[in-house]
């Protein structure tokens, strides 16, 4: 728990954790609840070299699926894993 009422931020850094939390409470009370912001949407970049290779960049499992050993040996199946 914080001891004391919310206080406005001072010129310097807070003296202790309690003062910091009181300043944060004050800022929260003085911030608007809803903020409107204009965001410029950008189309996704298609020129990244890894995106052109199917399966690469999807993580370790995708790379294992594309490996030569996987293609030659297949996947061993164990009923207890299912």
PDB file of N, CA and C in Angstrom:
ATOM      1  N   UNK A   1       0.825  -1.202   0.000  1.00  0.00           N
ATOM      2  CA  UNK A   1       0.000   0.000   0.000  1.00  0.00           C
ATOM      3  C   UNK A   1       0.861   1.255   0.000  1.00  0.00           C
ATOM      4  N   UNK A   2       0.328   2.259  -0.601  1.00  0.00           N
ATOM      5  CA  UNK A   2       1.021   3.539  -0.693  1.00  0.00           C
ATOM      6  C   UNK A   2       0.559   4.416   0.455  1.00  0.00           C
ATOM      7  N   UNK A   3       1.510   5.056   1.138  1.00  0.00           N
ATOM      8  CA  UNK A   3       1.138   5.934   2.251  1.00  0.00           C
ATOM      9  C   UNK A   3       1.079   7.369   1.752  1.00  0.00           C
ATOM     10  N   UNK A   4      -0.088   7.916   1.760  1.00  0.00           N
ATOM     11  CA  UNK A   4      -0.260   9.296   1.348  1.00  0.00           C
ATOM     12  C   UNK A   4      -1.088   9.418   0.087  1.00  0.00           C
ATOM     13  N   UNK A   5      -1.497  10.643  -0.162  1.00  0.00           N
ATOM     14  CA  UNK A   5      -2.319  10.944  -1.337  1.00  0.00           C
ATOM     15  C   UNK A   5      -1.439  11.043  -2.579  1.00  0.00           C
ATOM     16  N   UNK A   6      -2.055  10.899  -3.750  1.00  0.00           N
ATOM     17  CA  UNK A   6      -1.273  11.084  -4.983  1.00  0.00           C
ATOM     18  C   UNK A   6      -0.635  12.467  -5.012  1.00  0.00           C
ATOM     19  N   UNK A   7       0.579  12.539  -5.571  1.00  0.00           N
ATOM     20  CA  UNK A   7       1.285  13.816  -5.627  1.00  0.00           C
ATOM     21  C   UNK A   7       1.822  14.054  -7.031  1.00  0.00           C
ATOM     22  N   UNK A   8       1.837  15.318  -7.476  1.00  0.00           N
ATOM     23  CA  UNK A   8       2.350  15.601  -8.825  1.00  0.00           C
ATOM     24  C   UNK A   8       3.851  15.339  -8.896  1.00  0.00           C
ATOM     25  N   UNK A   9       4.336  14.965 -10.077  1.00  0.00           N
ATOM     26  CA  UNK A   9       5.780  14.732 -10.230  1.00  0.00           C
ATOM     27  C   UNK A   9       6.565  16.010  -9.948  1.00  0.00           C
ATOM     28  N   UNK A  10       7.716  15.849  -9.341  1.00  0.00           N
ATOM     29  CA  UNK A  10       8.576  16.993  -9.047  1.00  0.00           C
ATOM     30  C   UNK A  10       9.613  17.180 -10.144  1.00  0.00           C
ATOM     31  N   UNK A  11      10.538  18.092  -9.908  1.00  0.00           N
ATOM     32  CA  UNK A  11      11.597  18.371 -10.882  1.00  0.00           C
ATOM     33  C   UNK A  11      12.642  17.263 -10.917  1.00  0.00           C
ATOM     34  N   UNK A  12      12.919  16.683  -9.778  1.00  0.00           N
ATOM     35  CA  UNK A  12      13.930  15.627  -9.701  1.00  0.00           C
ATOM     36  C   UNK A  12      13.287  14.258  -9.610  1.00  0.00           C
ATOM     37  N   UNK A  13      14.119  13.236  -9.505  1.00  0.00           N
ATOM     38  CA  UNK A  13      13.585  11.880  -9.378  1.00  0.00           C
ATOM     39  C   UNK A  13      12.932  11.685  -8.005  1.00  0.00           C
ATOM     40  N   UNK A  14      12.011  10.742  -7.886  1.00  0.00           N
ATOM     41  CA  UNK A  14      11.383  10.486  -6.584  1.00  0.00           C
ATOM     42  C   UNK A  14      12.428  10.053  -5.549  1.00  0.00           C
ATOM     43  N   UNK A  15      12.175  10.379  -4.298  1.00  0.00           N
ATOM     44  CA  UNK A  15      13.120  10.062  -3.223  1.00  0.00           C
ATOM     45  C   UNK A  15      13.103   8.586  -2.852  1.00  0.00           C
ATOM     46  N   UNK A  16      11.929   7.959  -2.988  1.00  0.00           N
ATOM     47  CA  UNK A  16      11.814   6.544  -2.654  1.00  0.00           C
ATOM     48  C   UNK A  16      10.685   5.913  -3.473  1.00  0.00           C
ATOM     49  N   UNK A  17      10.469   4.623  -3.271  1.00  0.00           N
ATOM     50  CA  UNK A  17       9.453   3.894  -4.038  1.00  0.00           C
ATOM     51  C   UNK A  17       8.060   4.409  -3.737  1.00  0.00           C
ATOM     52  N   UNK A  18       7.810   4.784  -2.483  1.00  0.00           N
ATOM     53  CA  UNK A  18       6.493   5.274  -2.110  1.00  0.00           C
ATOM     54  C   UNK A  18       6.174   6.576  -2.857  1.00  0.00           C
ATOM     55  N   UNK A  19       7.140   7.473  -2.928  1.00  0.00           N
ATOM     56  CA  UNK A  19       6.936   8.735  -3.645  1.00  0.00           C
ATOM     57  C   UNK A  19       6.721   8.474  -5.131  1.00  0.00           C
ATOM     58  N   UNK A  20       7.455   7.530  -5.686  1.00  0.00           N
ATOM     59  CA  UNK A  20       7.275   7.179  -7.100  1.00  0.00           C
ATOM     60  C   UNK A  20       5.846   6.694  -7.353  1.00  0.00           C
ATOM     61  N   UNK A  21       5.350   5.793  -6.489  1.00  0.00           N
ATOM     62  CA  UNK A  21       3.996   5.269  -6.669  1.00  0.00           C
ATOM     63  C   UNK A  21       2.945   6.347  -6.492  1.00  0.00           C
ATOM     64  N   UNK A  22       3.162   7.283  -5.599  1.00  0.00           N
ATOM     65  CA  UNK A  22       2.227   8.397  -5.429  1.00  0.00           C
ATOM     66  C   UNK A  22       2.209   9.276  -6.676  1.00  0.00           C
ATOM     67  N   UNK A  23       3.371   9.470  -7.309  1.00  0.00           N
ATOM     68  CA  UNK A  23       3.424  10.249  -8.551  1.00  0.00           C
ATOM     69  C   UNK A  23       2.713   9.515  -9.685  1.00  0.00           C
ATOM     70  N   UNK A  24       2.879   8.200  -9.756  1.00  0.00           N
ATOM     71  CA  UNK A  24       2.211   7.409 -10.786  1.00  0.00           C
ATOM     72  C   UNK A  24       0.697   7.484 -10.602  1.00  0.00           C
ATOM     73  N   UNK A  25       0.244   7.423  -9.350  1.00  0.00           N
ATOM     74  CA  UNK A  25      -1.191   7.558  -9.087  1.00  0.00           C
ATOM     75  C   UNK A  25      -1.702   8.918  -9.559  1.00  0.00           C
ATOM     76  N   UNK A  26      -0.949   9.969  -9.299  1.00  0.00           N
ATOM     77  CA  UNK A  26      -1.354  11.309  -9.728  1.00  0.00           C
ATOM     78  C   UNK A  26      -1.450  11.383 -11.245  1.00  0.00           C
ATOM     79  N   UNK A  27      -0.443  10.813 -11.942  1.00  0.00           N
ATOM     80  CA  UNK A  27      -0.470  10.821 -13.410  1.00  0.00           C
ATOM     81  C   UNK A  27      -1.673  10.047 -13.937  1.00  0.00           C
ATOM     82  N   UNK A  28      -1.982   8.926 -13.308  1.00  0.00           N
ATOM     83  CA  UNK A  28      -3.124   8.121 -13.736  1.00  0.00           C
ATOM     84  C   UNK A  28      -4.422   8.911 -13.591  1.00  0.00           C
ATOM     85  N   UNK A  29      -4.545   9.670 -12.510  1.00  0.00           N
ATOM     86  CA  UNK A  29      -5.752  10.462 -12.298  1.00  0.00           C
ATOM     87  C   UNK A  29      -5.879  11.614 -13.286  1.00  0.00           C
ATOM     88  N   UNK A  30      -4.783  12.065 -13.856  1.00  0.00           N
ATOM     89  CA  UNK A  30      -4.803  13.212 -14.760  1.00  0.00           C
ATOM     90  C   UNK A  30      -4.685  12.832 -16.236  1.00  0.00           C
ATOM     91  N   UNK A  31      -4.643  11.557 -16.533  1.00  0.00           N
ATOM     92  CA  UNK A  31      -4.595  11.113 -17.929  1.00  0.00           C
ATOM     93  C   UNK A  31      -6.011  10.855 -18.425  1.00  0.00           C
ATOM     94  N   UNK A  32      -6.289  11.187 -19.674  1.00  0.00           N
ATOM     95  CA  UNK A  32      -7.613  10.878 -20.212  1.00  0.00           C
ATOM     96  C   UNK A  32      -7.795   9.365 -20.323  1.00  0.00           C
ATOM     97  N   UNK A  33      -9.019   8.912 -20.136  1.00  0.00           N
ATOM     98  CA  UNK A  33      -9.298   7.476 -20.198  1.00  0.00           C
ATOM     99  C   UNK A  33      -9.280   6.955 -21.630  1.00  0.00           C
ATOM    100  N   UNK A  34      -9.658   7.819 -22.570  1.00  0.00           N
ATOM    101  CA  UNK A  34      -9.693   7.423 -23.974  1.00  0.00           C
ATOM    102  C   UNK A  34      -8.805   8.379 -24.758  1.00  0.00           C
ATOM    103  N   UNK A  35      -7.962   7.816 -25.582  1.00  0.00           N
ATOM    104  CA  UNK A  35      -7.065   8.623 -26.396  1.00  0.00           C
ATOM    105  C   UNK A  35      -7.302   8.263 -27.855  1.00  0.00           C
ATOM    106  N   UNK A  36      -7.522   9.260 -28.695  1.00  0.00           N
ATOM    107  CA  UNK A  36      -7.686   9.041 -30.130  1.00  0.00           C
ATOM    108  C   UNK A  36      -6.358   9.299 -30.819  1.00  0.00           C
ATOM    109  N   UNK A  37      -5.944   8.325 -31.637  1.00  0.00           N
ATOM    110  CA  UNK A  37      -4.673   8.431 -32.336  1.00  0.00           C
ATOM    111  C   UNK A  37      -4.885   8.029 -33.782  1.00  0.00           C
ATOM    112  N   UNK A  38      -4.309   8.800 -34.704  1.00  0.00           N
ATOM    113  CA  UNK A  38      -4.337   8.432 -36.118  1.00  0.00           C
ATOM    114  C   UNK A  38      -3.130   7.561 -36.406  1.00  0.00           C
ATOM    115  N   UNK A  39      -3.380   6.371 -36.952  1.00  0.00           N
ATOM    116  CA  UNK A  39      -2.309   5.429 -37.257  1.00  0.00           C
ATOM    117  C   UNK A  39      -2.279   5.213 -38.756  1.00  0.00           C
ATOM    118  N   UNK A  40      -1.104   5.377 -39.316  1.00  0.00           N
ATOM    119  CA  UNK A  40      -0.927   5.148 -40.739  1.00  0.00           C
ATOM    120  C   UNK A  40      -0.635   3.665 -40.966  1.00  0.00           C
ATOM    121  N   UNK A  41      -1.524   2.992 -41.674  1.00  0.00           N
ATOM    122  CA  UNK A  41      -1.322   1.569 -41.924  1.00  0.00           C
ATOM    123  C   UNK A  41      -0.392   1.386 -43.112  1.00  0.00           C
ATOM    124  N   UNK A  42       0.533   0.470 -42.960  1.00  0.00           N
ATOM    125  CA  UNK A  42       1.486   0.175 -44.023  1.00  0.00           C
ATOM    126  C   UNK A  42       1.241  -1.249 -44.503  1.00  0.00           C
ATOM    127  N   UNK A  43       1.322  -1.476 -45.803  1.00  0.00           N
ATOM    128  CA  UNK A  43       1.171  -2.850 -46.280  1.00  0.00           C
ATOM    129  C   UNK A  43       2.366  -3.684 -45.821  1.00  0.00           C
ATOM    130  N   UNK A  44       2.153  -4.988 -45.600  1.00  0.00           N
ATOM    131  CA  UNK A  44       3.276  -5.828 -45.178  1.00  0.00           C
ATOM    132  C   UNK A  44       4.372  -5.861 -46.236  1.00  0.00           C
ATOM    133  N   UNK A  45       5.591  -5.894 -45.778  1.00  0.00           N
ATOM    134  CA  UNK A  45       6.738  -5.921 -46.682  1.00  0.00           C
ATOM    135  C   UNK A  45       6.842  -7.296 -47.344  1.00  0.00           C
ATOM    136  N   UNK A  46       6.926  -7.325 -48.640  1.00  0.00           N
ATOM    137  CA  UNK A  46       7.019  -8.581 -49.374  1.00  0.00           C
ATOM    138  C   UNK A  46       8.430  -8.852 -49.883  1.00  0.00           C
ATOM    139  N   UNK A  47       9.347  -7.946 -49.634  1.00  0.00           N
ATOM    140  CA  UNK A  47      10.683  -8.106 -50.199  1.00  0.00           C
ATOM    141  C   UNK A  47      11.662  -8.820 -49.275  1.00  0.00           C
ATOM    142  N   UNK A  48      11.202  -9.295 -48.147  1.00  0.00           N
ATOM    143  CA  UNK A  48      12.097  -9.995 -47.225  1.00  0.00           C
ATOM    144  C   UNK A  48      12.463 -11.353 -47.828  1.00  0.00           C
ATOM    145  N   UNK A  49      13.759 -11.697 -47.920  1.00  0.00           N
ATOM    146  CA  UNK A  49      14.161 -12.931 -48.612  1.00  0.00           C
ATOM    147  C   UNK A  49      13.639 -14.207 -47.964  1.00  0.00           C
ATOM    148  N   UNK A  50      13.468 -14.236 -46.657  1.00  0.00           N
ATOM    149  CA  UNK A  50      13.013 -15.466 -46.006  1.00  0.00           C
ATOM    150  C   UNK A  50      11.538 -15.743 -46.268  1.00  0.00           C
ATOM    151  N   UNK A  51      10.770 -14.723 -46.586  1.00  0.00           N
ATOM    152  CA  UNK A  51       9.347 -14.928 -46.843  1.00  0.00           C
ATOM    153  C   UNK A  51       9.100 -15.614 -48.177  1.00  0.00           C
ATOM    154  N   UNK A  52      10.070 -15.551 -49.062  1.00  0.00           N
ATOM    155  CA  UNK A  52       9.901 -16.154 -50.386  1.00  0.00           C
ATOM    156  C   UNK A  52      10.099 -17.663 -50.348  1.00  0.00           C
ATOM    157  N   UNK A  53      10.766 -18.171 -49.330  1.00  0.00           N
ATOM    158  CA  UNK A  53      11.003 -19.600 -49.210  1.00  0.00           C
ATOM    159  C   UNK A  53       9.914 -20.202 -48.334  1.00  0.00           C
ATOM    160  N   UNK A  54       9.155 -21.079 -48.872  1.00  0.00           N
ATOM    161  CA  UNK A  54       8.044 -21.667 -48.135  1.00  0.00           C
ATOM    162  C   UNK A  54       8.576 -22.559 -47.008  1.00  0.00           C
ATOM    163  N   UNK A  55       8.068 -22.361 -45.819  1.00  0.00           N
ATOM    164  CA  UNK A  55       8.442 -23.186 -44.677  1.00  0.00           C
ATOM    165  C   UNK A  55       9.637 -22.666 -43.902  1.00  0.00           C
ATOM    166  N   UNK A  56      10.448 -21.823 -44.490  1.00  0.00           N
ATOM    167  CA  UNK A  56      11.610 -21.310 -43.773  1.00  0.00           C
ATOM    168  C   UNK A  56      11.176 -20.094 -42.973  1.00  0.00           C
ATOM    169  N   UNK A  57      11.632 -20.017 -41.761  1.00  0.00           N
ATOM    170  CA  UNK A  57      11.267 -18.909 -40.907  1.00  0.00           C
ATOM    171  C   UNK A  57      10.077 -19.229 -40.032  1.00  0.00           C
ATOM    172  N   UNK A  58       9.473 -20.400 -40.200  1.00  0.00           N
ATOM    173  CA  UNK A  58       8.350 -20.795 -39.378  1.00  0.00           C
ATOM    174  C   UNK A  58       8.792 -21.453 -38.092  1.00  0.00           C
ATOM    175  N   UNK A  59      10.062 -21.509 -37.837  1.00  0.00           N
ATOM    176  CA  UNK A  59      10.557 -22.103 -36.618  1.00  0.00           C
ATOM    177  C   UNK A  59      11.289 -23.406 -36.882  1.00  0.00           C
ATOM    178  N   UNK A  60      11.661 -24.047 -35.820  1.00  0.00           N
ATOM    179  CA  UNK A  60      12.465 -25.261 -35.899  1.00  0.00           C
ATOM    180  C   UNK A  60      11.713 -26.393 -36.579  1.00  0.00           C
ATOM    181  N   UNK A  61      10.435 -26.567 -36.279  1.00  0.00           N
ATOM    182  CA  UNK A  61       9.664 -27.654 -36.866  1.00  0.00           C
ATOM    183  C   UNK A  61       9.576 -27.530 -38.386  1.00  0.00           C
ATOM    184  N   UNK A  62       9.412 -26.323 -38.889  1.00  0.00           N
ATOM    185  CA  UNK A  62       9.358 -26.129 -40.331  1.00  0.00           C
ATOM    186  C   UNK A  62      10.678 -26.518 -40.983  1.00  0.00           C
ATOM    187  N   UNK A  63      11.773 -26.228 -40.328  1.00  0.00           N
ATOM    188  CA  UNK A  63      13.080 -26.569 -40.883  1.00  0.00           C
ATOM    189  C   UNK A  63      13.324 -28.075 -40.847  1.00  0.00           C
ATOM    190  N   UNK A  64      12.847 -28.744 -39.802  1.00  0.00           N
ATOM    191  CA  UNK A  64      12.981 -30.199 -39.721  1.00  0.00           C
ATOM    192  C   UNK A  64      12.172 -30.842 -40.844  1.00  0.00           C
ATOM    193  N   UNK A  65      10.976 -30.340 -41.080  1.00  0.00           N
ATOM    194  CA  UNK A  65      10.130 -30.895 -42.140  1.00  0.00           C
ATOM    195  C   UNK A  65      10.774 -30.763 -43.516  1.00  0.00           C
ATOM    196  N   UNK A  66      11.606 -29.751 -43.719  1.00  0.00           N
ATOM    197  CA  UNK A  66      12.248 -29.538 -45.010  1.00  0.00           C
ATOM    198  C   UNK A  66      13.616 -30.210 -45.113  1.00  0.00           C
ATOM    199  N   UNK A  67      14.095 -30.806 -44.036  1.00  0.00           N
ATOM    200  CA  UNK A  67      15.424 -31.389 -44.046  1.00  0.00           C
ATOM    201  C   UNK A  67      15.466 -32.672 -44.863  1.00  0.00           C
ATOM    202  N   UNK A  68      16.641 -33.001 -45.402  1.00  0.00           N
ATOM    203  CA  UNK A  68      16.816 -34.200 -46.218  1.00  0.00           C
ATOM    204  C   UNK A  68      16.606 -35.464 -45.389  1.00  0.00           C
ATOM    205  N   UNK A  69      17.078 -35.474 -44.145  1.00  0.00           N
ATOM    206  CA  UNK A  69      16.925 -36.647 -43.297  1.00  0.00           C
ATOM    207  C   UNK A  69      15.445 -36.950 -43.054  1.00  0.00           C
ATOM    208  N   UNK A  70      14.659 -35.945 -42.877  1.00  0.00           N
ATOM    209  CA  UNK A  70      13.225 -36.134 -42.662  1.00  0.00           C
ATOM    210  C   UNK A  70      12.577 -36.714 -43.914  1.00  0.00           C
ATOM    211  N   UNK A  71      12.969 -36.199 -45.068  1.00  0.00           N
ATOM    212  CA  UNK A  71      12.381 -36.669 -46.333  1.00  0.00           C
ATOM    213  C   UNK A  71      12.766 -38.122 -46.616  1.00  0.00           C
ATOM    214  N   UNK A  72      13.999 -38.502 -46.270  1.00  0.00           N
ATOM    215  CA  UNK A  72      14.462 -39.863 -46.559  1.00  0.00           C
ATOM    216  C   UNK A  72      13.914 -40.882 -45.565  1.00  0.00           C
ATOM    217  N   UNK A  73      13.910 -40.554 -44.284  1.00  0.00           N
ATOM    218  CA  UNK A  73      13.554 -41.519 -43.253  1.00  0.00           C
ATOM    219  C   UNK A  73      12.079 -41.481 -42.870  1.00  0.00           C
ATOM    220  N   UNK A  74      11.421 -40.391 -43.111  1.00  0.00           N
ATOM    221  CA  UNK A  74      10.043 -40.260 -42.682  1.00  0.00           C
ATOM    222  C   UNK A  74       9.985 -40.020 -41.186  1.00  0.00           C
ATOM    223  N   UNK A  75       8.818 -40.140 -40.615  1.00  0.00           N
ATOM    224  CA  UNK A  75       8.640 -39.877 -39.204  1.00  0.00           C
ATOM    225  C   UNK A  75       8.316 -41.179 -38.487  1.00  0.00           C
ATOM    226  N   UNK A  76       9.130 -41.565 -37.516  1.00  0.00           N
ATOM    227  CA  UNK A  76       8.789 -42.752 -36.745  1.00  0.00           C
ATOM    228  C   UNK A  76       7.562 -42.449 -35.888  1.00  0.00           C
ATOM    229  N   UNK A  77       6.661 -43.393 -35.809  1.00  0.00           N
ATOM    230  CA  UNK A  77       5.427 -43.180 -35.071  1.00  0.00           C
ATOM    231  C   UNK A  77       5.415 -44.067 -33.828  1.00  0.00           C
ATOM    232  N   UNK A  78       5.073 -43.497 -32.722  1.00  0.00           N
ATOM    233  CA  UNK A  78       4.928 -44.255 -31.478  1.00  0.00           C
ATOM    234  C   UNK A  78       3.540 -43.992 -30.939  1.00  0.00           C
ATOM    235  N   UNK A  79       2.778 -45.053 -30.666  1.00  0.00           N
ATOM    236  CA  UNK A  79       1.405 -44.919 -30.207  1.00  0.00           C
ATOM    237  C   UNK A  79       1.318 -44.146 -28.885  1.00  0.00           C
ATOM    238  N   UNK A  80       2.307 -44.292 -28.012  1.00  0.00           N
ATOM    239  CA  UNK A  80       2.244 -43.603 -26.733  1.00  0.00           C
ATOM    240  C   UNK A  80       2.438 -42.099 -26.878  1.00  0.00           C
ATOM    241  N   UNK A  81       2.944 -41.631 -28.025  1.00  0.00           N
ATOM    242  CA  UNK A  81       3.103 -40.204 -28.250  1.00  0.00           C
ATOM    243  C   UNK A  81       1.798 -39.545 -28.700  1.00  0.00           C
ATOM    244  N   UNK A  82       0.893 -40.344 -29.205  1.00  0.00           N
ATOM    245  CA  UNK A  82      -0.347 -39.809 -29.766  1.00  0.00           C
ATOM    246  C   UNK A  82      -1.342 -39.456 -28.687  1.00  0.00           C
TER     247      UNK A  82
END
